[in-house]
Amino acid sequence: MNDFDYARMIEIPINSCDVSVKPRAAAKFRFRRGETLKKTLMEKINSDAYEAAGDERESSVEITTKKAERRARRKNRFSVDIVTAQAAVVAILVMTILLTNIFWADSGINTLLAGVFSSGAEKVEDKAYAEFAPGLPSRTSEITLKEGVMTFSGEGSVYPICDGKVAKIADLGDKLEITIEFSPSFSAVISGVDFAYYGVGDAVYRSVPVCYSDGGEVDVRLYSDGQLISDYMLDNGSIVWQS
């Protein structure tokens, strides 16, 4: 058994160190120089260890070359390049969506975004007046019809003739004029009432009074797309269309 094996057997403490080698210009000599230096250093340290009296220690050397460091830097740089590429793709997609929104209003992306970010308000269906079956505006007073204008007087409630909503309330001196919308193209205007039971935007119903008259004359006009409707008649408590 030689001194080196004996040192291993009795577990004598081992010294270690790192040596960084600056590479030469030519890559083909880089590895050889590192290996030569390692071999020389190992021989020197082991030779000194054998000659030292009473100090039997084994030495080991770990060589770290610039080649390994550069590999690590290249790996990190590759990871950064992937992240940069992903960010560039996202930016291109965002720019494509913006340009599509600007120059193509009916694109599939615009339709999708409109559906996602819509307020959820229900779109009102536009129905022609002839599709409605309206009732009379008064249940207690006699109603006369002349050239499309219904007129009645007396104290009592006034009904909206169809389900709809209050679109406008205007003052007419000491009286009120109420506009009720049944669809985007069909509406009624009630003039000469004294009190309104509902405010603008409120829903109203055919069977529930919308306003009140204390005895004066009340006029009710029906409109289709802003034009006065006159082709109807009153029959048995209902409005009957003539065309």
Protein backbone atom coordinates (compact mmCIF):
# COMPACT_ATOMS: atom_id res chain seq x y z
CA MET A 1 0.00 0.00 0.00
CA ASN A 2 1.41 3.40 -0.99
CA ASP A 3 1.03 6.67 0.90
CA PHE A 4 -1.76 7.88 -1.35
CA ASP A 5 -3.93 4.78 -0.73
CA TYR A 6 -3.20 4.96 2.98
CA ALA A 7 -4.39 8.55 3.09
CA ARG A 8 -7.66 7.52 1.45
CA MET A 9 -8.16 4.62 3.86
CA ILE A 10 -7.82 6.67 7.07
CA GLU A 11 -9.97 9.51 5.57
CA ILE A 12 -7.41 12.24 5.88
CA PRO A 13 -9.05 15.65 5.12
CA ILE A 14 -8.91 16.63 1.47
CA ASN A 15 -8.17 20.14 0.16
CA SER A 16 -9.89 21.41 -2.98
CA CYS A 17 -9.76 24.59 -5.04
CA ASP A 18 -11.30 26.06 -8.24
CA VAL A 19 -9.13 27.23 -11.08
CA SER A 20 -10.61 29.45 -13.82
CA VAL A 21 -8.73 29.44 -17.08
CA LYS A 22 -8.85 32.29 -19.59
CA PRO A 23 -9.20 30.72 -23.05
CA ARG A 24 -6.77 31.42 -25.83
CA ALA A 25 -7.85 32.88 -29.15
CA ALA A 26 -8.00 29.48 -30.88
CA ALA A 27 -10.84 27.31 -29.59
CA LYS A 28 -9.04 24.03 -30.37
CA PHE A 29 -6.37 24.73 -27.68
CA ARG A 30 -8.81 25.75 -24.95
CA PHE A 31 -9.58 22.26 -23.66
CA ARG A 32 -5.97 21.05 -23.94
CA ARG A 33 -4.63 23.99 -21.95
CA GLY A 34 -7.14 23.38 -19.20
CA GLU A 35 -6.34 19.67 -19.03
CA THR A 36 -2.56 20.32 -19.09
CA LEU A 37 -2.84 22.84 -16.29
CA LYS A 38 -4.96 20.47 -14.27
CA LYS A 39 -2.50 17.62 -14.69
CA THR A 40 0.49 19.79 -13.79
CA LEU A 41 -1.26 21.24 -10.74
CA MET A 42 -2.35 17.82 -9.51
CA GLU A 43 1.16 16.43 -9.85
CA LYS A 44 2.63 19.39 -8.00
CA ILE A 45 0.15 19.24 -5.11
CA ASN A 46 0.38 15.45 -4.72
CA SER A 47 4.18 15.60 -4.88
CA ASP A 48 4.26 18.23 -2.14
CA ALA A 49 1.82 16.19 -0.08
CA TYR A 50 3.98 13.06 -0.24
CA GLU A 51 7.14 14.93 0.75
CA ALA A 52 5.60 16.77 3.72
CA ALA A 53 6.46 15.02 6.98
CA GLY A 54 3.56 14.22 9.29
CA ASP A 55 1.08 16.06 7.01
CA GLU A 56 -0.46 13.28 4.94
CA ARG A 57 -3.37 14.98 3.10
CA GLU A 58 -4.84 14.31 -0.30
CA SER A 59 -5.52 17.26 -2.57
CA SER A 60 -8.02 17.46 -5.44
CA VAL A 61 -8.54 20.19 -7.99
CA GLU A 62 -11.72 21.12 -9.89
CA ILE A 63 -11.12 23.01 -13.13
CA THR A 64 -13.81 25.44 -14.23
CA THR A 65 -13.22 26.72 -17.74
CA LYS A 66 -14.69 29.67 -19.59
CA LYS A 67 -16.35 27.22 -21.96
CA ALA A 68 -18.76 26.03 -19.25
CA GLU A 69 -19.52 29.60 -18.23
CA ARG A 70 -20.33 30.55 -21.81
CA ARG A 71 -22.64 27.55 -22.15
CA ALA A 72 -24.57 28.72 -19.09
CA ARG A 73 -24.83 32.25 -20.50
CA ARG A 74 -26.05 30.91 -23.85
CA LYS A 75 -28.73 28.85 -22.06
CA ASN A 76 -29.97 31.90 -20.14
CA ARG A 77 -29.93 34.00 -23.32
CA PHE A 78 -32.00 31.33 -25.11
CA SER A 79 -34.64 31.44 -22.34
CA VAL A 80 -34.82 35.24 -22.59
CA ASP A 81 -35.20 35.00 -26.38
CA ILE A 82 -38.21 32.67 -26.00
CA VAL A 83 -39.94 35.12 -23.63
CA THR A 84 -39.22 37.99 -26.01
CA ALA A 85 -40.68 36.05 -28.94
CA GLN A 86 -43.84 35.25 -26.99
CA ALA A 87 -44.28 38.92 -26.06
CA ALA A 88 -43.86 39.90 -29.72
CA VAL A 89 -46.57 37.43 -30.81
CA VAL A 90 -49.00 38.84 -28.22
CA ALA A 91 -48.26 42.38 -29.37
CA ILE A 92 -48.93 41.42 -33.01
CA LEU A 93 -52.25 39.82 -32.08
CA VAL A 94 -53.36 42.90 -30.13
CA MET A 95 -52.41 45.19 -33.02
CA THR A 96 -54.32 42.96 -35.46
CA ILE A 97 -57.46 43.15 -33.32
CA LEU A 98 -57.22 46.94 -33.03
CA LEU A 99 -56.74 47.44 -36.76
CA THR A 100 -59.60 45.05 -37.51
CA ASN A 101 -61.91 46.99 -35.18
CA ILE A 102 -61.01 50.24 -36.92
CA PHE A 103 -61.22 49.20 -40.57
CA TRP A 104 -63.71 46.31 -40.52
CA ALA A 105 -66.76 47.10 -38.40
CA ASP A 106 -68.61 43.86 -39.19
CA SER A 107 -65.68 41.51 -38.55
CA GLY A 108 -66.07 38.35 -36.52
CA ILE A 109 -63.81 39.80 -33.81
CA ASN A 110 -66.00 42.89 -33.50
CA THR A 111 -69.11 40.73 -33.29
CA LEU A 112 -67.52 38.58 -30.59
CA LEU A 113 -66.36 41.58 -28.56
CA ALA A 114 -69.75 43.23 -28.87
CA GLY A 115 -71.36 40.10 -27.47
CA VAL A 116 -68.87 39.80 -24.61
CA PHE A 117 -68.90 43.44 -23.53
CA SER A 118 -72.54 44.28 -24.24
CA SER A 119 -74.48 45.81 -21.37
CA GLY A 120 -76.98 42.96 -21.45
CA ALA A 121 -79.87 45.30 -22.30
CA GLU A 122 -82.60 43.52 -24.24
CA LYS A 123 -83.14 44.82 -27.75
CA VAL A 124 -86.75 45.96 -28.26
CA GLU A 125 -88.45 44.27 -31.18
CA ASP A 126 -89.98 46.66 -33.68
CA LYS A 127 -93.59 45.65 -34.37
CA ALA A 128 -95.93 47.39 -36.77
CA TYR A 129 -99.06 48.89 -35.22
CA ALA A 130 -101.30 46.41 -37.09
CA GLU A 131 -99.74 43.56 -35.04
CA PHE A 132 -101.19 44.98 -31.79
CA ALA A 133 -104.69 44.45 -30.40
CA PRO A 134 -105.25 47.65 -28.40
CA GLY A 135 -108.04 48.44 -25.95
CA LEU A 136 -109.82 51.75 -25.40
CA PRO A 137 -108.17 54.56 -23.40
CA SER A 138 -111.24 55.10 -21.19
CA ARG A 139 -113.52 52.50 -19.56
CA THR A 140 -116.13 54.91 -18.18
CA SER A 141 -116.54 57.77 -20.67
CA GLU A 142 -118.03 57.78 -24.14
CA ILE A 143 -115.32 58.09 -26.77
CA THR A 144 -115.75 59.83 -30.11
CA LEU A 145 -113.44 59.20 -33.07
CA LYS A 146 -112.78 61.80 -35.75
CA GLU A 147 -109.97 61.70 -38.30
CA GLY A 148 -107.86 59.46 -36.14
CA VAL A 149 -108.32 61.41 -32.88
CA MET A 150 -110.14 59.81 -29.92
CA THR A 151 -111.80 62.36 -27.61
CA PHE A 152 -113.62 61.92 -24.31
CA SER A 153 -114.30 63.94 -21.16
CA GLY A 154 -115.22 63.28 -17.57
CA GLU A 155 -113.45 62.36 -14.39
CA GLY A 156 -111.61 59.07 -14.41
CA SER A 157 -108.51 57.05 -15.19
CA VAL A 158 -106.90 56.84 -18.63
CA TYR A 159 -105.34 53.61 -19.94
CA PRO A 160 -102.36 53.21 -22.27
CA ILE A 161 -104.30 50.89 -24.75
CA CYS A 162 -101.25 48.51 -25.04
CA ASP A 163 -98.29 47.38 -22.98
CA GLY A 164 -95.38 49.80 -23.39
CA LYS A 165 -93.34 52.41 -21.58
CA VAL A 166 -93.58 56.13 -20.85
CA ALA A 167 -91.35 57.94 -23.36
CA LYS A 168 -92.15 61.58 -22.52
CA ILE A 169 -94.20 63.78 -20.17
CA ALA A 170 -94.75 67.42 -21.17
CA ASP A 171 -96.61 70.31 -19.58
CA LEU A 172 -99.48 71.90 -21.53
CA GLY A 173 -100.32 74.83 -19.30
CA ASP A 174 -102.07 73.30 -16.32
CA LYS A 175 -102.47 69.96 -18.11
CA LEU A 176 -100.10 67.14 -19.08
CA GLU A 177 -99.26 65.41 -22.36
CA ILE A 178 -97.95 61.86 -22.05
CA THR A 179 -96.23 59.95 -24.87
CA ILE A 180 -96.30 56.16 -24.58
CA GLU A 181 -94.14 53.96 -26.80
CA PHE A 182 -95.36 50.45 -27.66
CA SER A 183 -92.60 49.65 -30.18
CA PRO A 184 -89.93 51.76 -31.92
CA SER A 185 -92.45 52.64 -34.65
CA PHE A 186 -95.79 52.64 -32.77
CA SER A 187 -96.76 55.13 -30.06
CA ALA A 188 -99.69 57.02 -28.52
CA VAL A 189 -99.99 60.61 -27.24
CA ILE A 190 -102.48 61.34 -24.46
CA SER A 191 -103.21 65.09 -24.02
CA GLY A 192 -105.25 67.00 -21.42
CA VAL A 193 -104.81 64.85 -18.29
CA ASP A 194 -104.10 66.19 -14.79
CA PHE A 195 -101.97 63.53 -13.12
CA ALA A 196 -99.46 60.93 -14.29
CA TYR A 197 -99.11 57.70 -12.34
CA TYR A 198 -95.73 56.84 -13.87
CA GLY A 199 -92.48 58.58 -14.79
CA VAL A 200 -90.42 58.61 -17.98
CA GLY A 201 -88.94 55.17 -18.69
CA ASP A 202 -91.48 53.29 -16.56
CA ALA A 203 -93.28 50.27 -17.99
CA VAL A 204 -97.05 50.54 -18.39
CA TYR A 205 -99.72 47.92 -19.09
CA ARG A 206 -102.95 47.85 -21.04
CA SER A 207 -105.08 46.90 -18.04
CA VAL A 208 -103.53 49.40 -15.58
CA PRO A 209 -104.29 53.19 -15.67
CA VAL A 210 -101.37 55.39 -16.69
CA CYS A 211 -102.85 58.81 -15.78
CA TYR A 212 -105.94 60.60 -14.47
CA SER A 213 -108.31 63.30 -15.69
CA ASP A 214 -110.40 65.38 -13.25
CA GLY A 215 -113.12 66.11 -15.78
CA GLY A 216 -111.59 68.04 -18.70
CA GLU A 217 -111.39 66.97 -22.35
CA VAL A 218 -108.81 64.33 -23.18
CA ASP A 219 -107.45 63.58 -26.66
CA VAL A 220 -105.64 60.37 -27.67
CA ARG A 221 -103.69 60.08 -30.95
CA LEU A 222 -101.92 57.02 -32.35
CA TYR A 223 -98.75 57.31 -34.48
CA SER A 224 -96.82 55.00 -36.78
CA ASP A 225 -93.29 56.22 -37.56
CA GLY A 226 -94.42 59.73 -36.61
CA GLN A 227 -97.49 59.66 -38.88
CA LEU A 228 -101.01 59.95 -37.42
CA ILE A 229 -102.96 56.68 -37.77
CA SER A 230 -106.57 57.15 -38.91
CA ASP A 231 -107.52 53.81 -40.51
CA TYR A 232 -109.19 52.23 -37.50
CA MET A 233 -112.56 52.11 -35.76
CA LEU A 234 -113.90 51.55 -32.24
CA ASP A 235 -115.86 48.36 -31.70
CA ASN A 236 -117.03 46.71 -28.51
CA GLY A 237 -114.40 48.19 -26.23
CA SER A 238 -111.50 47.68 -28.64
CA ILE A 239 -109.65 49.40 -31.48
CA VAL A 240 -110.06 47.58 -34.78
CA TRP A 241 -107.61 48.24 -37.65
CA GLN A 242 -109.15 48.78 -41.06
CA SER A 243 -106.22 47.71 -43.19
